[in-house]
N, C-alpha and C. Protein backbone atom coordinates (compact mmCIF):
# COMPACT_ATOMS: atom_id res chain seq x y z
N MET A 1 0.94 -1.20 0.15
CA MET A 1 0.01 -0.08 0.00
C MET A 1 0.82 1.23 -0.07
N GLY A 2 2.10 1.09 0.10
CA GLY A 2 3.12 2.29 -0.05
C GLY A 2 2.75 3.28 -1.13
N ASP A 3 2.78 2.55 -2.47
CA ASP A 3 2.39 3.23 -3.67
C ASP A 3 1.11 4.00 -3.82
N PHE A 4 0.16 3.25 -2.98
CA PHE A 4 -1.18 4.10 -3.14
C PHE A 4 -1.05 5.24 -2.16
N ALA A 5 -0.40 5.20 -1.00
CA ALA A 5 -0.07 6.49 -0.16
C ALA A 5 0.65 7.49 -0.89
N ASP A 6 1.54 7.12 -1.81
CA ASP A 6 2.34 8.01 -2.52
C ASP A 6 1.32 8.75 -3.64
N ILE A 7 0.50 7.93 -4.27
CA ILE A 7 -0.56 8.43 -5.28
C ILE A 7 -1.25 9.43 -4.40
N CYS A 8 -1.90 9.11 -3.45
CA CYS A 8 -2.86 9.89 -2.49
C CYS A 8 -2.19 11.12 -2.11
N LYS A 9 -0.95 11.01 -1.76
CA LYS A 9 -0.04 12.31 -1.27
C LYS A 9 -0.06 13.32 -2.49
N LEU A 10 0.45 12.76 -3.77
CA LEU A 10 0.76 13.49 -4.99
C LEU A 10 -0.80 14.14 -5.55
N GLU A 11 -1.87 13.41 -5.26
CA GLU A 11 -3.01 13.81 -5.72
C GLU A 11 -3.28 15.18 -4.94
N GLN A 12 -3.10 14.91 -3.38
CA GLN A 12 -3.32 16.37 -2.80
C GLN A 12 -2.56 17.44 -3.13
N GLU A 13 -1.27 17.19 -3.27
CA GLU A 13 -0.19 18.26 -3.95
C GLU A 13 -0.62 19.00 -4.98
N CYS A 14 -0.90 18.10 -6.06
CA CYS A 14 -0.90 18.59 -7.52
C CYS A 14 -2.42 19.11 -7.88
N PHE A 15 -3.45 18.85 -7.36
CA PHE A 15 -4.56 19.21 -7.71
C PHE A 15 -5.46 20.15 -6.83
N ALA A 16 -6.15 21.28 -7.38
CA ALA A 16 -6.82 22.24 -6.56
C ALA A 16 -8.14 21.57 -5.98
N THR A 17 -8.57 20.51 -6.73
CA THR A 17 -9.89 19.82 -6.29
C THR A 17 -9.33 18.28 -6.37
N PRO A 18 -8.51 17.72 -5.24
CA PRO A 18 -8.25 16.45 -5.53
C PRO A 18 -9.40 15.39 -5.33
N TRP A 19 -9.29 14.29 -5.82
CA TRP A 19 -10.20 13.16 -5.76
C TRP A 19 -10.07 12.67 -4.30
N PRO A 20 -11.43 12.49 -3.51
CA PRO A 20 -11.35 11.84 -2.27
C PRO A 20 -10.49 10.41 -2.49
N VAL A 21 -9.91 9.96 -1.17
CA VAL A 21 -9.22 8.77 -1.18
C VAL A 21 -9.93 7.61 -1.68
N GLU A 22 -11.31 7.56 -1.13
CA GLU A 22 -12.04 6.38 -1.65
C GLU A 22 -12.29 6.18 -3.28
N VAL A 23 -12.46 7.42 -4.00
CA VAL A 23 -12.58 7.46 -5.45
C VAL A 23 -11.41 7.06 -5.99
N LEU A 24 -10.26 7.71 -5.48
CA LEU A 24 -9.18 7.28 -6.06
C LEU A 24 -8.85 5.75 -5.93
N TYR A 25 -9.12 5.17 -5.00
CA TYR A 25 -8.98 3.86 -4.45
C TYR A 25 -9.68 3.01 -5.69
N GLU A 26 -11.03 3.33 -5.57
CA GLU A 26 -11.93 2.62 -6.51
C GLU A 26 -11.41 2.71 -8.00
N ASP A 27 -10.97 3.81 -8.46
CA ASP A 27 -10.47 3.86 -9.80
C ASP A 27 -9.13 3.13 -9.89
N LEU A 28 -8.36 3.20 -9.07
CA LEU A 28 -7.06 2.36 -9.04
C LEU A 28 -7.44 0.89 -9.18
N CYS A 29 -8.30 0.32 -8.35
CA CYS A 29 -8.84 -0.88 -8.28
C CYS A 29 -9.69 -1.38 -9.74
N ALA A 30 -10.13 -0.47 -10.27
CA ALA A 30 -11.01 -0.98 -11.59
C ALA A 30 -10.17 -1.77 -12.45
N ASN A 31 -10.88 -2.76 -13.08
CA ASN A 31 -10.22 -3.87 -13.70
C ASN A 31 -9.32 -3.31 -15.10
N LYS A 32 -9.90 -2.21 -15.78
CA LYS A 32 -8.99 -2.00 -16.87
C LYS A 32 -8.41 -0.53 -16.78
N ASN A 33 -8.38 -0.08 -15.39
CA ASN A 33 -7.60 1.08 -15.27
C ASN A 33 -6.24 0.75 -14.89
N ARG A 34 -5.21 1.81 -15.21
CA ARG A 34 -3.91 1.48 -14.94
C ARG A 34 -3.12 2.77 -14.52
N TYR A 35 -2.48 2.68 -13.31
CA TYR A 35 -1.72 3.86 -12.64
C TYR A 35 -0.36 3.51 -12.80
N PHE A 36 0.42 4.33 -12.99
CA PHE A 36 1.79 4.26 -12.97
C PHE A 36 2.49 5.60 -12.12
N LEU A 37 3.28 4.84 -11.28
CA LEU A 37 3.93 5.95 -10.32
C LEU A 37 5.41 6.01 -10.71
N LEU A 38 5.84 7.14 -10.84
CA LEU A 38 7.28 7.65 -11.17
C LEU A 38 7.96 8.06 -9.84
N LYS A 39 9.28 7.14 -9.54
CA LYS A 39 9.79 7.76 -8.53
C LYS A 39 11.30 7.92 -8.92
N ASP A 40 11.90 8.91 -8.13
CA ASP A 40 13.30 9.30 -8.14
C ASP A 40 14.01 8.69 -6.94
N GLY A 41 14.63 7.66 -7.03
CA GLY A 41 15.21 6.92 -5.72
C GLY A 41 14.16 6.34 -5.14
N GLU A 42 13.98 6.81 -3.88
CA GLU A 42 12.77 6.30 -3.32
C GLU A 42 11.53 7.38 -3.09
N GLU A 43 11.73 8.54 -3.80
CA GLU A 43 10.83 9.59 -3.61
C GLU A 43 9.79 9.70 -4.91
N ALA A 44 8.61 9.70 -4.56
CA ALA A 44 7.43 9.60 -5.64
C ALA A 44 7.52 11.16 -6.20
N VAL A 45 7.54 11.18 -7.36
CA VAL A 45 7.47 12.57 -8.04
C VAL A 45 6.27 12.89 -8.99
N GLY A 46 5.64 11.63 -9.38
CA GLY A 46 4.62 12.02 -10.14
C GLY A 46 3.85 10.43 -10.54
N TYR A 47 2.63 10.64 -11.11
CA TYR A 47 2.09 9.57 -11.60
C TYR A 47 1.02 9.72 -12.68
N ALA A 48 0.68 8.71 -13.43
CA ALA A 48 -0.15 8.79 -14.50
C ALA A 48 -1.37 7.84 -14.37
N GLY A 49 -2.49 8.24 -14.64
CA GLY A 49 -3.62 7.42 -14.54
C GLY A 49 -4.49 7.13 -16.00
N ILE A 50 -4.57 5.91 -16.26
CA ILE A 50 -4.97 5.60 -17.53
C ILE A 50 -6.33 4.79 -17.59
N TRP A 51 -7.22 5.16 -18.24
CA TRP A 51 -8.47 4.31 -18.49
C TRP A 51 -8.67 3.80 -19.65
N MET A 52 -8.47 2.46 -19.61
CA MET A 52 -8.92 1.73 -20.82
C MET A 52 -10.39 1.33 -21.22
N ILE A 53 -10.79 2.13 -22.36
CA ILE A 53 -12.33 1.96 -22.89
C ILE A 53 -12.22 1.36 -24.15
N LEU A 54 -12.74 0.28 -24.31
CA LEU A 54 -12.74 -0.45 -25.53
C LEU A 54 -11.15 -0.71 -25.95
N ASP A 55 -11.02 -0.19 -27.21
CA ASP A 55 -9.70 -0.38 -27.70
C ASP A 55 -8.83 1.17 -27.74
N GLU A 56 -9.26 1.99 -26.74
CA GLU A 56 -8.68 3.21 -26.59
C GLU A 56 -8.08 3.46 -25.17
N ALA A 57 -7.01 4.02 -25.18
CA ALA A 57 -6.27 4.25 -24.08
C ALA A 57 -6.44 5.77 -23.67
N HIS A 58 -7.38 6.25 -22.54
CA HIS A 58 -7.44 7.59 -22.09
C HIS A 58 -6.62 8.00 -20.85
N ILE A 59 -5.82 8.92 -21.25
CA ILE A 59 -5.01 9.64 -20.13
C ILE A 59 -5.97 10.49 -19.30
N ASN A 60 -6.19 9.79 -18.13
CA ASN A 60 -7.00 10.57 -17.18
C ASN A 60 -6.35 11.44 -16.32
N LYS A 61 -5.14 11.13 -15.82
CA LYS A 61 -4.54 12.16 -14.90
C LYS A 61 -2.85 12.06 -15.21
N ILE A 62 -2.36 13.00 -15.13
CA ILE A 62 -0.91 13.23 -15.24
C ILE A 62 -0.49 14.24 -14.04
N CYS A 63 0.23 13.77 -13.04
CA CYS A 63 0.53 14.80 -12.22
C CYS A 63 2.21 14.60 -11.71
N VAL A 64 2.96 15.69 -11.50
CA VAL A 64 4.16 15.93 -10.92
C VAL A 64 4.04 16.84 -9.71
N CYS A 65 4.71 16.27 -8.78
CA CYS A 65 4.89 17.03 -7.56
C CYS A 65 5.51 18.57 -7.83
N PRO A 66 4.81 19.64 -7.15
CA PRO A 66 5.23 20.87 -7.64
C PRO A 66 6.57 21.17 -7.49
N LYS A 67 7.51 20.49 -6.55
CA LYS A 67 8.88 20.82 -6.36
C LYS A 67 9.71 20.06 -7.59
N HIS A 68 9.04 19.34 -8.20
CA HIS A 68 9.90 18.64 -9.44
C HIS A 68 9.43 18.84 -10.79
N ARG A 69 8.67 19.85 -10.92
CA ARG A 69 8.17 20.25 -12.20
C ARG A 69 9.36 21.05 -12.85
N GLY A 70 9.33 20.93 -14.17
CA GLY A 70 10.40 21.51 -15.03
C GLY A 70 11.59 20.57 -15.12
N LYS A 71 11.48 19.36 -14.70
CA LYS A 71 12.52 18.52 -14.81
C LYS A 71 12.41 17.23 -16.03
N GLY A 72 11.35 17.36 -16.56
CA GLY A 72 11.18 16.32 -17.56
C GLY A 72 10.30 15.21 -17.02
N TYR A 73 9.85 14.98 -15.74
CA TYR A 73 9.14 14.17 -15.42
C TYR A 73 7.74 13.84 -15.99
N GLY A 74 7.20 14.84 -16.27
CA GLY A 74 5.81 14.88 -16.79
C GLY A 74 6.10 14.24 -18.41
N ARG A 75 7.03 14.62 -19.27
CA ARG A 75 7.36 14.14 -20.38
C ARG A 75 7.55 12.49 -20.29
N ARG A 76 8.35 12.21 -19.24
CA ARG A 76 8.74 10.59 -19.09
C ARG A 76 7.30 9.88 -18.84
N LEU A 77 6.29 10.40 -18.01
CA LEU A 77 5.05 9.83 -17.81
C LEU A 77 4.32 9.77 -18.94
N MET A 78 4.33 10.85 -19.83
CA MET A 78 3.79 10.63 -21.08
C MET A 78 4.28 9.69 -22.25
N GLU A 79 5.37 9.71 -22.34
CA GLU A 79 6.28 8.68 -23.06
C GLU A 79 6.10 7.37 -22.69
N GLY A 80 5.99 7.17 -21.37
CA GLY A 80 5.93 5.79 -20.91
C GLY A 80 4.37 5.10 -21.02
N SER A 81 3.61 6.51 -21.10
CA SER A 81 2.18 5.69 -21.38
C SER A 81 1.92 5.52 -22.75
N ARG A 82 2.57 6.22 -23.61
CA ARG A 82 2.63 5.99 -25.14
C ARG A 82 3.11 4.66 -25.37
N ARG A 83 4.21 4.28 -24.76
CA ARG A 83 5.04 3.08 -25.03
C ARG A 83 4.06 1.83 -24.54
N ARG A 84 3.60 2.15 -23.46
CA ARG A 84 2.78 1.10 -22.83
C ARG A 84 1.28 0.53 -23.51
N PHE A 85 1.09 1.60 -24.06
CA PHE A 85 -0.33 1.57 -24.64
C PHE A 85 -0.18 1.98 -26.07
N GLY A 86 0.76 1.81 -26.93
CA GLY A 86 1.04 1.93 -28.05
C GLY A 86 0.40 1.11 -29.01
N GLY A 87 0.23 -0.37 -28.57
CA GLY A 87 -0.74 -1.22 -29.27
C GLY A 87 -2.20 -0.95 -29.09
N SER A 88 -2.71 -0.08 -28.32
CA SER A 88 -4.04 0.26 -28.31
C SER A 88 -4.53 1.06 -29.76
N GLU A 89 -5.62 0.84 -30.02
CA GLU A 89 -6.00 1.58 -31.50
C GLU A 89 -5.79 3.18 -31.23
N ARG A 90 -6.13 3.69 -30.21
CA ARG A 90 -5.94 5.13 -30.07
C ARG A 90 -5.55 5.42 -28.54
N ILE A 91 -4.93 6.39 -28.44
CA ILE A 91 -4.64 6.90 -26.99
C ILE A 91 -4.85 8.56 -26.93
N ALA A 92 -5.75 8.99 -25.95
CA ALA A 92 -6.16 10.29 -26.07
C ALA A 92 -5.80 10.69 -24.44
């Protein structure tokens, strides 16, 4: 559950209206949804949330900790999402 705690912390730090923990947990546990946590060493710096709908991958959330913005982490999350779901018919 350490990764989930990191995602919850990032959610609070990065969004003006963060999702409640229960909603985030339900979304994370949904069968076709994927979340990727990006760490720099032991520190969580960002995450991406992807919804799989039929043959499409929808980027639901991408966030990077405010103190780590401007370092290319958002780009890494986007590129990793594209690589992971490049076989999907579409990614949005």
